[in-house]
Amino acid sequence: MSEKFATTLEWRGSREIGQRLANLIPDGISNELIEENHSEVKLVVNVDAESLEQLREIVDNLLTLFSDQDQ
C-alpha cells in the first residue's frame, strides 16, 4: 500500500483578494472559495501528493504565488 500525503490551506479576507488567489491556483489542485459573510470569504485549498517532499514543493509554490497578492 502506498502512502498519501495531504494538507489543507485556509485563507480568509476580502472577496477581491480571495478571487485573485483562487485564480492563481494551478489546475488539478482542489480549491473552494466560500462566502462567510458580506465582507469576507474563505479560500480552502486541498493539496494531495505522493511524497512528503512533493507536498512541501506544492505548498511552497502556492505560498510563493500568493505572497504578492495578500495586500
Protein backbone atom coordinates (compact mmCIF):
# COMPACT_ATOMS: atom_id res chain seq x y z
CA MET A 1 0.00 0.00 0.00
CA SER A 2 1.47 3.37 -1.00
CA GLU A 3 1.45 6.36 1.29
CA LYS A 4 -0.51 9.51 0.53
CA PHE A 5 0.24 12.92 1.94
CA ALA A 6 -2.26 15.76 2.21
CA THR A 7 -2.76 19.16 3.77
CA THR A 8 -5.31 21.94 3.70
CA LEU A 9 -4.54 25.64 3.42
CA GLU A 10 -7.15 28.17 4.52
CA TRP A 11 -7.15 31.90 3.90
CA ARG A 12 -9.75 34.49 4.97
CA GLY A 13 -10.17 38.02 3.70
CA SER A 14 -11.89 40.19 1.12
CA ARG A 15 -13.70 38.70 -1.87
CA GLU A 16 -11.48 40.65 -4.27
CA ILE A 17 -8.22 39.22 -2.92
CA GLY A 18 -9.75 35.76 -2.44
CA GLN A 19 -10.76 35.64 -6.10
CA ARG A 20 -7.27 36.74 -7.17
CA LEU A 21 -5.71 33.98 -5.05
CA ALA A 22 -8.17 31.36 -6.35
CA ASN A 23 -7.31 32.32 -9.95
CA LEU A 24 -3.62 31.65 -9.26
CA ILE A 25 -4.16 28.04 -8.16
CA PRO A 26 -2.96 25.60 -10.84
CA ASP A 27 -5.37 23.13 -12.45
CA GLY A 28 -5.54 19.84 -10.58
CA ILE A 29 -5.40 21.36 -7.10
CA SER A 30 -8.75 21.25 -5.34
CA ASN A 31 -9.98 24.59 -4.01
CA GLU A 32 -13.17 26.32 -2.96
CA LEU A 33 -14.00 29.97 -2.33
CA ILE A 34 -16.68 30.18 0.37
CA GLU A 35 -18.57 33.34 1.28
CA GLU A 36 -18.60 33.63 5.07
CA ASN A 37 -20.41 36.96 5.33
CA HIS A 38 -20.97 40.06 3.20
CA SER A 39 -17.42 41.31 3.60
CA GLU A 40 -15.32 38.16 3.99
CA VAL A 41 -14.63 34.92 2.13
CA LYS A 42 -12.65 31.81 2.97
CA LEU A 43 -10.41 30.11 0.40
CA VAL A 44 -9.82 26.43 1.12
CA VAL A 45 -7.06 24.67 -0.83
CA ASN A 46 -6.65 20.88 -0.53
CA VAL A 47 -3.25 19.58 -1.57
CA ASP A 48 -2.51 15.87 -2.13
CA ALA A 49 0.85 14.35 -3.03
CA GLU A 50 2.66 11.04 -3.37
CA SER A 51 5.52 12.04 -1.05
CA LEU A 52 6.19 14.47 1.75
CA GLU A 53 8.78 16.25 -0.42
CA GLN A 54 6.27 16.68 -3.26
CA LEU A 55 3.68 18.01 -0.80
CA ARG A 56 6.17 20.55 0.53
CA GLU A 57 7.09 21.66 -3.00
CA ILE A 58 3.45 22.17 -3.98
CA VAL A 59 2.67 24.13 -0.81
CA ASP A 60 5.84 26.23 -1.19
CA ASN A 61 4.90 27.03 -4.79
CA LEU A 62 1.36 28.04 -3.78
CA LEU A 63 2.62 30.27 -0.99
CA THR A 64 5.06 31.91 -3.41
CA LEU A 65 2.23 32.57 -5.86
CA PHE A 66 0.09 34.02 -3.06
CA SER A 67 2.79 36.12 -1.39
CA ASP A 68 2.37 39.22 -3.56
CA GLN A 69 -1.44 39.16 -3.61
CA ASP A 70 -2.50 39.48 0.03
CA GLN A 71 -2.31 43.27 0.27
